[in-house]
Every structure is written in C-alpha cells, then in structure tokens.
Amino acid sequence: MINSRARIACIDPEGRNFIDDVSEGDLWFFPGGYPHSIRGLKEGCEFLLVFPDDSFSESSTFLTDWLIHTPRGVIAKNFGVPQISRGAHSFPILQ
C-alpha cells in the first residue's frame, strides 16, 4: 500500500472469506483465480499491483470484467447516473 488505507477481501475455493484493513507499507497476496476486492476507505487509497507473469489481461480482470457482465441498469444505479443505451459509450462510468 503506497498511500492511505483500504479494506481487502478474498474468498477461497471452500467458500471461506478473509477481510482485513491494510495501510501504508502493508503487502498482501491474492492467489490466482480467487475472487477478491480492494476497497479504498474514507480517504481513498493508492496501491501498486504486481503480477507473477505476463499473462495479465485487463479485459478479464478488474472493473472491466464486471462492467461487461453486469446489466446497464445495475451499473447506472450503482454509480448514481442515468442508464444509457448500447453503443460506443455503453457504460455510464466511461462517459
């Protein structure tokens, strides 16, 4: 964690979850394929992501994957913006 604090969470294949708060200077590891989240706390956060090899793909990771597979109405409600139609700007957050 470079700056500030975040709450991390991870679920293992047996369905057990782990939730903890991390702060500046802390390190953590999520095994590949384990669902996880990193959420900045009130003041936000800045962190560095490192991957073990060059197989990382933003199109199957991060918010991009969630945006692609979530109904536009859910996304609009989550971000508090009007729903827009399909097209070049399909997701409210990208406008």
C-alpha atoms as a PDB file:
ATOM      1  CA  MET A   1       0.000   0.000   0.000  1.00  0.00           C
ATOM      2  CA  ILE A   2       1.609   3.225  -1.151  1.00  0.00           C
ATOM      3  CA  ASN A   3      -0.715   5.703   0.482  1.00  0.00           C
ATOM      4  CA  SER A   4      -3.647   5.656   2.914  1.00  0.00           C
ATOM      5  CA  ARG A   5      -5.825   2.621   3.760  1.00  0.00           C
ATOM      6  CA  ALA A   6      -8.024   0.000   2.091  1.00  0.00           C
ATOM      7  CA  ARG A   7     -10.170  -2.986   3.022  1.00  0.00           C
ATOM      8  CA  ILE A   8      -9.217  -6.200   1.249  1.00  0.00           C
ATOM      9  CA  ALA A   9     -11.362  -9.311   0.958  1.00  0.00           C
ATOM     10  CA  CYS A  10     -10.847 -12.731  -0.585  1.00  0.00           C
ATOM     11  CA  ILE A  11     -12.868 -15.945  -0.884  1.00  0.00           C
ATOM     12  CA  ASP A  12     -11.113 -19.319  -1.084  1.00  0.00           C
ATOM     13  CA  PRO A  13     -12.379 -22.347  -3.071  1.00  0.00           C
ATOM     14  CA  GLU A  14     -14.084 -23.718   0.080  1.00  0.00           C
ATOM     15  CA  GLY A  15     -16.151 -20.527   0.379  1.00  0.00           C
ATOM     16  CA  ARG A  16     -14.295 -19.171   3.418  1.00  0.00           C
ATOM     17  CA  ASN A  17     -13.708 -15.441   3.374  1.00  0.00           C
ATOM     18  CA  PHE A  18     -10.947 -13.209   4.660  1.00  0.00           C
ATOM     19  CA  ILE A  19     -11.429  -9.495   5.299  1.00  0.00           C
ATOM     20  CA  ASP A  20      -8.803  -7.127   6.676  1.00  0.00           C
ATOM     21  CA  ASP A  21      -7.797  -3.479   6.602  1.00  0.00           C
ATOM     22  CA  VAL A  22      -4.368  -2.624   5.196  1.00  0.00           C
ATOM     23  CA  SER A  23      -2.469   0.627   5.439  1.00  0.00           C
ATOM     24  CA  GLU A  24       0.609   2.366   4.085  1.00  0.00           C
ATOM     25  CA  GLY A  25       3.560  -0.043   3.848  1.00  0.00           C
ATOM     26  CA  ASP A  26       1.448  -3.229   4.049  1.00  0.00           C
ATOM     27  CA  LEU A  27       1.696  -6.046   1.482  1.00  0.00           C
ATOM     28  CA  TRP A  28      -0.845  -8.738   0.628  1.00  0.00           C
ATOM     29  CA  PHE A  29      -1.256 -11.591  -1.836  1.00  0.00           C
ATOM     30  CA  PHE A  30      -4.311 -12.993  -3.621  1.00  0.00           C
ATOM     31  CA  PRO A  31      -3.790 -16.426  -5.212  1.00  0.00           C
ATOM     32  CA  GLY A  32      -4.646 -16.517  -8.921  1.00  0.00           C
ATOM     33  CA  GLY A  33      -8.307 -17.263  -9.582  1.00  0.00           C
ATOM     34  CA  TYR A  34      -9.512 -16.395  -6.066  1.00  0.00           C
ATOM     35  CA  PRO A  35     -12.322 -13.791  -6.085  1.00  0.00           C
ATOM     36  CA  HIS A  36     -11.133 -10.710  -4.221  1.00  0.00           C
ATOM     37  CA  SER A  37     -11.655  -6.996  -3.748  1.00  0.00           C
ATOM     38  CA  ILE A  38      -9.686  -3.932  -2.711  1.00  0.00           C
ATOM     39  CA  ARG A  39     -11.780  -1.050  -1.448  1.00  0.00           C
ATOM     40  CA  GLY A  40     -10.355   2.320  -0.520  1.00  0.00           C
ATOM     41  CA  LEU A  41     -11.567   3.518   2.859  1.00  0.00           C
ATOM     42  CA  LYS A  42     -12.956   7.006   3.531  1.00  0.00           C
ATOM     43  CA  GLU A  43      -9.847   8.890   2.438  1.00  0.00           C
ATOM     44  CA  GLY A  44      -9.237   6.707  -0.663  1.00  0.00           C
ATOM     45  CA  CYS A  45      -6.001   4.850  -1.333  1.00  0.00           C
ATOM     46  CA  GLU A  46      -3.113   4.316  -3.712  1.00  0.00           C
ATOM     47  CA  PHE A  47      -1.533   0.895  -4.236  1.00  0.00           C
ATOM     48  CA  LEU A  48       0.750  -0.901  -6.652  1.00  0.00           C
ATOM     49  CA  LEU A  49      -0.368  -4.129  -8.344  1.00  0.00           C
ATOM     50  CA  VAL A  50       2.256  -6.719  -9.255  1.00  0.00           C
ATOM     51  CA  PHE A  51       1.580  -9.911 -11.224  1.00  0.00           C
ATOM     52  CA  PRO A  52       3.802 -13.025 -11.305  1.00  0.00           C
ATOM     53  CA  ASP A  53       3.953 -13.268 -15.108  1.00  0.00           C
ATOM     54  CA  ASP A  54       2.890 -11.522 -18.296  1.00  0.00           C
ATOM     55  CA  SER A  55      -0.486 -13.277 -18.605  1.00  0.00           C
ATOM     56  CA  PHE A  56      -2.425 -10.368 -17.053  1.00  0.00           C
ATOM     57  CA  SER A  57      -5.325  -9.132 -19.179  1.00  0.00           C
ATOM     58  CA  GLU A  58      -7.398  -6.112 -18.194  1.00  0.00           C
ATOM     59  CA  SER A  59     -10.289  -7.425 -20.301  1.00  0.00           C
ATOM     60  CA  SER A  60     -10.744 -10.385 -17.928  1.00  0.00           C
ATOM     61  CA  THR A  61      -9.782  -8.641 -14.716  1.00  0.00           C
ATOM     62  CA  PHE A  62     -10.781  -5.632 -12.652  1.00  0.00           C
ATOM     63  CA  LEU A  63     -13.782  -3.435 -13.139  1.00  0.00           C
ATOM     64  CA  THR A  64     -13.758  -4.037 -16.904  1.00  0.00           C
ATOM     65  CA  ASP A  65     -14.978  -7.623 -16.453  1.00  0.00           C
ATOM     66  CA  TRP A  66     -17.662  -6.524 -14.017  1.00  0.00           C
ATOM     67  CA  LEU A  67     -18.870  -3.801 -16.384  1.00  0.00           C
ATOM     68  CA  ILE A  68     -19.083  -6.205 -19.331  1.00  0.00           C
ATOM     69  CA  HIS A  69     -21.175  -8.776 -17.436  1.00  0.00           C
ATOM     70  CA  THR A  70     -23.453  -6.517 -15.358  1.00  0.00           C
ATOM     71  CA  PRO A  71     -26.774  -5.147 -16.638  1.00  0.00           C
ATOM     72  CA  ARG A  72     -26.536  -1.442 -17.512  1.00  0.00           C
ATOM     73  CA  GLY A  73     -29.383  -0.610 -15.106  1.00  0.00           C
ATOM     74  CA  VAL A  74     -27.427  -2.084 -12.191  1.00  0.00           C
ATOM     75  CA  ILE A  75     -24.317  -0.134 -13.191  1.00  0.00           C
ATOM     76  CA  ALA A  76     -26.303   3.111 -13.515  1.00  0.00           C
ATOM     77  CA  LYS A  77     -27.881   2.621 -10.080  1.00  0.00           C
ATOM     78  CA  ASN A  78     -24.513   1.750  -8.506  1.00  0.00           C
ATOM     79  CA  PHE A  79     -22.857   4.929  -9.841  1.00  0.00           C
ATOM     80  CA  GLY A  80     -25.952   7.122  -9.397  1.00  0.00           C
ATOM     81  CA  VAL A  81     -26.216   8.087 -13.072  1.00  0.00           C
ATOM     82  CA  PRO A  82     -28.929   7.671 -15.727  1.00  0.00           C
ATOM     83  CA  GLN A  83     -28.861   4.470 -17.749  1.00  0.00           C
ATOM     84  CA  ILE A  84     -27.664   4.895 -21.318  1.00  0.00           C
ATOM     85  CA  SER A  85     -28.235   2.694 -24.350  1.00  0.00           C
ATOM     86  CA  ARG A  86     -25.775   0.359 -26.041  1.00  0.00           C
ATOM     87  CA  GLY A  87     -23.174   1.880 -28.308  1.00  0.00           C
ATOM     88  CA  ALA A  88     -19.715   3.340 -28.123  1.00  0.00           C
ATOM     89  CA  HIS A  89     -20.403   4.609 -24.585  1.00  0.00           C
ATOM     90  CA  SER A  90     -22.303   1.671 -23.134  1.00  0.00           C
ATOM     91  CA  PHE A  91     -21.290   2.261 -19.525  1.00  0.00           C
ATOM     92  CA  PRO A  92     -22.053   5.405 -17.506  1.00  0.00           C
ATOM     93  CA  ILE A  93     -18.653   5.397 -15.812  1.00  0.00           C
ATOM     94  CA  LEU A  94     -16.904   5.748 -19.185  1.00  0.00           C
ATOM     95  CA  GLN A  95     -18.711   8.990 -20.154  1.00  0.00           C
END
